[in-house]
Structure formats: C-alpha cells, structure tokens
Amino acid sequence: MTCKKTRMTQYFVIGILVMMMFAAFYAPADTGDGGLRVLSLGQVGGDVRKLQIELDKKGYNLKPYDGIYGLRTFEAVMDFQQRNGLKPTGAVNNETRAALGKKESSGTIAARTGGTRPPGMQVSRGISREDRIMLARIIHGEARGEGFEGQIAVAAVVLNRAESGQFPDSINGVIFEKGAFDAVSDGQIWYDPDDKALKAAELALAGYDPTGGALYYWNPETATSKWVWSRPVVKQIGGHVFAH
C-alpha cells in the first residue's frame, strides 16, 4: 500500500510539472478584439516567452526563456519603456509591443549596454543606501501583507510627498513626520525589510507610480477620519485606497 501511495504521489508531481511546462509554451491568448493580451507581472505563457526573446534581442539578458513574467522580466520591460519614451508601467500592451518590434543597430545596443552586459534598471542614483533601506522599511512596516503593486504604491506615496512641497523634502523627513505612518508610531518601521519590500522600493525610486501621483493612502475598512475621506480618491490597490 505504501509503495502504491508513493507511486501515486510521484505521478501527481510529474503531472504538475508537465502542466507547468506546457503552460509556459501555450499560444498567446487573444483579447477578443483582435489584440493580444496585456502582459504583466505573474503571468505565464508562450507570449511571455516570446517577449523575453524580443527583450534579449534588445540587450536584456533574460535567458533561460522560461515563459514566466517574473521580476527580471518586469524590470527589463520598465527599463525598455523608460528608454523609449513610454509610460513605465512594467506591463506590455500593443504600444510597447510596437516599440519592441522596431529594429535597433548593434551599435545602439552596445552603446546602451556598455558593450558588455545588459543594463539593470538605472535606479535611484541620487538616493543613498540608507534612504533606500528606510523606504523599504516603511513598505514592510505598512504594507507587508499587500501585493507587490500595493507595496510599490506605498513607496510612491512617500516619494510623492517628498517632491510635493507640502511635506518634508526628504524620504526620512516624510517617514518620520509626526503621526504620518502607523508603522513609525508602533515601531514596525524597525523590522528588517524582506526582498519584496526592497524590490518595491527600487521600482518606486525608478519612477514606477501605480497611484498616479497620490499623496495619501488608508485602509477604507478601518479609517474613521472625516478629513482623510475628504481627499479625492483616485484608486484602490489591494487593501488601501489612494488619494490626492
């Protein structure tokens, strides 16, 4: 009986692996209006693999082409969009596909990559390591239960405040403004940030702002302040709403 159960378990695992393999190579899905689906973080498929191959031609090393839209693919797309005058959303729509389809000379690619290795994201050159870590700390303290986009959104609010002229003009100043963040008040700001929070901080510093310039966010299920609800809400991401 034990051997039979072991074999069944092995067959189950093999079946799952086969399904994952086929998922990485299935044909691109049609949106129903003649266009291809918008590709974004977390998706898998043959169209993602094709995207990785196209990005590789542009100088981004994404081998092996696994058909999984992970963080490396996301970063490459954002960098490509920034360099080509597109909104750096990290998602691939028809506009980004069209830009990817344009041919570049080998000299252009070599100049962009330094002739050796493809670039990573050109992130936060003027920001100190301490500021990056502190931004990751506030993300982890305020939004570690949120999805990746929700964590980037919290970081974007901090950066938007620092640039707005309405708040302190530094990351530390914004974070430690009295009463601004619960994670500072309850000490969670000092928890060590995980890799996800660090990556979210880097992407926000690179210019990715899923909030559209929001200066405030709160949990709509727990917020009772009449003043905060007077702010014009622009969108909800995960468990937070974001407002100007």
Protein backbone atom coordinates (compact mmCIF):
# COMPACT_ATOMS: atom_id res chain seq x y z
CA MET A 1 0.00 0.00 0.00
CA THR A 2 2.86 2.36 0.89
CA CYS A 3 4.56 1.76 -2.45
CA LYS A 4 1.29 2.41 -4.27
CA LYS A 5 0.82 5.71 -2.45
CA THR A 6 4.42 6.68 -3.24
CA ARG A 7 3.89 5.96 -6.94
CA MET A 8 0.67 7.97 -6.96
CA THR A 9 2.45 10.90 -5.36
CA GLN A 10 5.23 10.70 -7.94
CA TYR A 11 2.71 10.62 -10.79
CA PHE A 12 0.92 13.63 -9.32
CA VAL A 13 4.15 15.65 -9.07
CA ILE A 14 5.16 14.68 -12.61
CA GLY A 15 1.72 15.71 -13.87
CA ILE A 16 2.01 19.12 -12.24
CA LEU A 17 5.47 19.65 -13.75
CA VAL A 18 4.21 18.69 -17.21
CA MET A 19 1.29 21.11 -16.88
CA MET A 20 3.68 23.92 -15.87
CA MET A 21 5.90 23.12 -18.84
CA PHE A 22 3.02 23.31 -21.29
CA ALA A 23 1.73 26.48 -19.65
CA ALA A 24 4.99 28.21 -20.46
CA PHE A 25 4.59 27.47 -24.16
CA TYR A 26 0.90 27.80 -24.94
CA ALA A 27 -0.17 30.14 -27.72
CA PRO A 28 -0.70 33.83 -26.92
CA ALA A 29 -4.24 34.49 -25.78
CA ASP A 30 -6.46 36.75 -27.84
CA THR A 31 -8.32 39.51 -26.02
CA GLY A 32 -11.39 39.10 -28.18
CA ASP A 33 -10.95 42.38 -30.07
CA GLY A 34 -8.17 41.16 -32.34
CA GLY A 35 -5.37 42.21 -29.98
CA LEU A 36 -3.07 40.23 -27.77
CA ARG A 37 -3.48 40.23 -24.01
CA VAL A 38 -1.68 42.78 -21.90
CA LEU A 39 1.23 41.03 -20.22
CA SER A 40 2.03 41.80 -16.61
CA LEU A 41 3.79 40.51 -13.52
CA GLY A 42 2.88 36.94 -12.57
CA GLN A 43 1.60 35.73 -15.96
CA VAL A 44 2.95 32.70 -17.80
CA GLY A 45 2.73 31.53 -21.37
CA GLY A 46 4.23 31.35 -24.81
CA ASP A 47 3.62 35.07 -25.33
CA VAL A 48 5.72 35.81 -22.22
CA ARG A 49 8.50 33.60 -23.60
CA LYS A 50 8.32 35.46 -26.93
CA LEU A 51 8.56 38.75 -25.03
CA GLN A 52 11.67 37.53 -23.23
CA ILE A 53 13.26 36.62 -26.56
CA GLU A 54 12.44 40.06 -28.01
CA LEU A 55 13.90 41.78 -24.96
CA ASP A 56 17.02 39.65 -25.27
CA LYS A 57 17.46 40.98 -28.81
CA LYS A 58 17.36 44.49 -27.32
CA GLY A 59 20.21 43.70 -24.97
CA TYR A 60 18.43 42.37 -21.89
CA ASN A 61 19.71 39.01 -20.73
CA LEU A 62 16.64 37.01 -19.73
CA LYS A 63 17.93 33.53 -20.50
CA PRO A 64 16.66 30.96 -19.94
CA TYR A 65 13.38 31.95 -21.58
CA ASP A 66 11.05 30.32 -19.07
CA GLY A 67 7.77 31.96 -20.12
CA ILE A 68 7.25 33.32 -16.59
CA TYR A 69 6.69 37.06 -16.17
CA GLY A 70 8.83 37.45 -13.07
CA LEU A 71 10.68 40.40 -11.58
CA ARG A 72 13.61 40.24 -14.02
CA THR A 73 11.24 40.45 -17.00
CA PHE A 74 9.24 43.19 -15.24
CA GLU A 75 12.40 45.25 -14.63
CA ALA A 76 13.56 44.81 -18.23
CA VAL A 77 10.19 45.96 -19.57
CA MET A 78 10.17 49.04 -17.32
CA ASP A 79 13.70 49.96 -18.35
CA PHE A 80 12.82 49.50 -22.03
CA GLN A 81 9.71 51.65 -21.65
CA GLN A 82 11.64 54.43 -19.92
CA ARG A 83 14.32 54.43 -22.60
CA ASN A 84 11.74 54.60 -25.39
CA GLY A 85 9.57 57.39 -24.04
CA LEU A 86 6.75 55.12 -22.91
CA LYS A 87 4.96 55.21 -19.58
CA PRO A 88 6.97 52.84 -17.35
CA THR A 89 4.14 50.62 -16.19
CA GLY A 90 6.01 47.33 -16.44
CA ALA A 91 3.07 45.91 -18.41
CA VAL A 92 3.26 45.12 -22.12
CA ASN A 93 0.42 46.49 -24.25
CA ASN A 94 0.29 46.96 -28.02
CA GLU A 95 2.22 50.25 -27.80
CA THR A 96 5.12 48.55 -26.04
CA ARG A 97 4.95 45.63 -28.48
CA ALA A 98 5.23 48.06 -31.38
CA ALA A 99 8.32 49.66 -29.84
CA LEU A 100 9.86 46.22 -29.31
CA GLY A 101 9.28 45.46 -32.97
CA LYS A 102 11.45 48.34 -34.13
CA LYS A 103 14.91 47.30 -35.20
CA GLU A 104 17.99 48.66 -33.43
CA SER A 105 21.50 48.61 -34.76
CA SER A 106 24.06 46.55 -32.90
CA GLY A 107 25.92 49.79 -32.19
CA THR A 108 22.89 51.26 -30.46
CA ILE A 109 22.52 48.20 -28.25
CA ALA A 110 26.24 48.12 -27.47
CA ALA A 111 26.20 51.79 -26.54
CA ARG A 112 23.26 51.25 -24.24
CA THR A 113 24.70 48.19 -22.53
CA GLY A 114 28.29 49.38 -22.38
CA GLY A 115 29.18 46.72 -24.97
CA THR A 116 29.27 44.01 -22.34
CA ARG A 117 26.30 43.12 -20.16
CA PRO A 118 22.72 44.36 -20.46
CA PRO A 119 21.72 47.07 -18.00
CA GLY A 120 19.72 46.54 -14.92
CA MET A 121 17.32 49.31 -14.04
CA GLN A 122 19.03 52.64 -13.61
CA VAL A 123 17.64 53.11 -10.13
CA SER A 124 17.92 55.92 -7.63
CA ARG A 125 21.38 57.18 -8.49
CA GLY A 126 21.00 60.22 -6.24
CA ILE A 127 19.50 58.33 -3.33
CA SER A 128 21.67 56.99 -0.53
CA ARG A 129 21.65 53.36 0.51
CA GLU A 130 20.26 54.44 3.88
CA ASP A 131 17.30 56.14 2.19
CA ARG A 132 16.59 53.06 0.09
CA ILE A 133 16.64 50.85 3.17
CA MET A 134 14.40 53.25 5.08
CA LEU A 135 11.92 53.31 2.20
CA ALA A 136 11.92 49.50 2.21
CA ARG A 137 11.36 49.57 5.97
CA ILE A 138 8.25 51.74 5.69
CA ILE A 139 6.94 49.48 2.91
CA HIS A 140 7.50 46.40 5.07
CA GLY A 141 6.04 48.01 8.17
CA GLU A 142 2.99 49.48 6.45
CA ALA A 143 2.20 47.04 3.67
CA ARG A 144 3.92 43.67 4.00
CA GLY A 145 0.53 41.97 3.71
CA GLU A 146 -0.20 43.72 0.42
CA GLY A 147 0.55 42.54 -3.10
CA PHE A 148 3.66 43.72 -4.93
CA GLU A 149 1.91 46.61 -6.67
CA GLY A 150 0.38 47.69 -3.36
CA GLN A 151 3.82 47.81 -1.78
CA ILE A 152 5.22 49.91 -4.64
CA ALA A 153 2.22 52.22 -4.24
CA VAL A 154 3.05 52.90 -0.57
CA ALA A 155 6.62 53.76 -1.53
CA ALA A 156 5.34 56.02 -4.31
CA VAL A 157 3.25 58.00 -1.80
CA VAL A 158 6.36 58.62 0.31
CA LEU A 159 8.29 59.83 -2.75
CA ASN A 160 5.37 61.93 -4.00
CA ARG A 161 5.20 63.66 -0.62
CA ALA A 162 8.93 64.40 -0.64
CA GLU A 163 8.59 66.06 -4.06
CA SER A 164 5.31 67.87 -3.47
CA GLY A 165 6.45 70.88 -1.47
CA GLN A 166 3.64 70.17 1.02
CA PHE A 167 5.66 67.77 3.18
CA PRO A 168 9.29 67.41 4.29
CA ASP A 169 11.55 67.22 1.24
CA SER A 170 13.39 64.00 2.12
CA ILE A 171 12.46 60.35 2.48
CA ASN A 172 13.41 60.34 6.15
CA GLY A 173 11.58 63.59 6.76
CA VAL A 174 8.37 62.26 5.22
CA ILE A 175 8.53 58.94 7.03
CA PHE A 176 9.22 60.43 10.45
CA GLU A 177 6.81 63.35 10.22
CA LYS A 178 4.78 63.17 13.43
CA GLY A 179 1.69 60.99 13.07
CA ALA A 180 2.25 60.28 9.38
CA PHE A 181 2.61 56.49 9.48
CA ASP A 182 1.36 53.87 11.92
CA ALA A 183 4.49 51.77 11.37
CA VAL A 184 6.58 54.55 12.90
CA SER A 185 4.20 55.01 15.83
CA ASP A 186 4.13 51.32 16.74
CA GLY A 187 7.78 50.58 15.99
CA GLN A 188 7.27 48.29 12.99
CA ILE A 189 9.46 50.64 10.96
CA TRP A 190 12.45 48.90 12.57
CA TYR A 191 11.54 45.43 11.31
CA ASP A 192 14.07 44.21 8.74
CA PRO A 193 12.55 44.54 5.25
CA ASP A 194 12.31 41.44 3.09
CA ASP A 195 13.41 41.11 -0.54
CA LYS A 196 9.95 42.00 -1.81
CA ALA A 197 9.97 45.31 0.07
CA LEU A 198 13.49 46.10 -1.13
CA LYS A 199 12.48 45.44 -4.74
CA ALA A 200 9.32 47.54 -4.35
CA ALA A 201 11.45 50.41 -3.07
CA GLU A 202 13.80 50.15 -6.04
CA LEU A 203 10.94 50.16 -8.54
CA ALA A 204 9.33 53.19 -6.91
CA LEU A 205 12.66 55.01 -6.95
CA ALA A 206 12.97 54.10 -10.64
CA GLY A 207 9.80 56.09 -11.32
CA TYR A 208 7.05 53.48 -11.24
CA ASP A 209 3.99 55.01 -9.56
CA PRO A 210 0.82 52.90 -9.77
CA THR A 211 -1.07 55.55 -7.76
CA GLY A 212 -0.87 58.31 -10.36
CA GLY A 213 0.74 60.80 -8.00
CA ALA A 214 -1.21 60.11 -4.79
CA LEU A 215 -0.17 61.80 -1.54
CA TYR A 216 -2.35 59.81 0.85
CA TYR A 217 -3.49 56.24 1.40
CA TRP A 218 -5.54 54.44 4.04
CA ASN A 219 -7.45 51.27 4.76
CA PRO A 220 -11.09 52.00 3.84
CA GLU A 221 -12.35 49.39 6.29
CA THR A 222 -10.74 50.98 9.34
CA ALA A 223 -10.25 54.68 8.56
CA THR A 224 -12.62 56.93 10.51
CA SER A 225 -11.09 60.37 9.91
CA LYS A 226 -13.58 62.68 8.17
CA TRP A 227 -10.70 64.77 6.89
CA VAL A 228 -8.93 61.89 5.15
CA TRP A 229 -12.19 60.84 3.49
CA SER A 230 -12.48 64.39 2.14
CA ARG A 231 -9.46 63.76 -0.08
CA PRO A 232 -10.23 62.89 -3.73
CA VAL A 233 -9.72 59.14 -4.06
CA VAL A 234 -8.03 58.13 -7.31
CA LYS A 235 -7.92 54.34 -6.99
CA GLN A 236 -7.78 51.31 -4.74
CA ILE A 237 -4.87 48.89 -4.79
CA GLY A 238 -5.26 45.87 -2.57
CA GLY A 239 -6.38 46.87 0.90
CA HIS A 240 -5.58 50.58 0.52
CA VAL A 241 -7.23 53.48 -1.24
CA PHE A 242 -5.03 56.25 -2.63
CA ALA A 243 -5.90 59.92 -2.87
CA HIS A 244 -4.51 63.33 -3.85
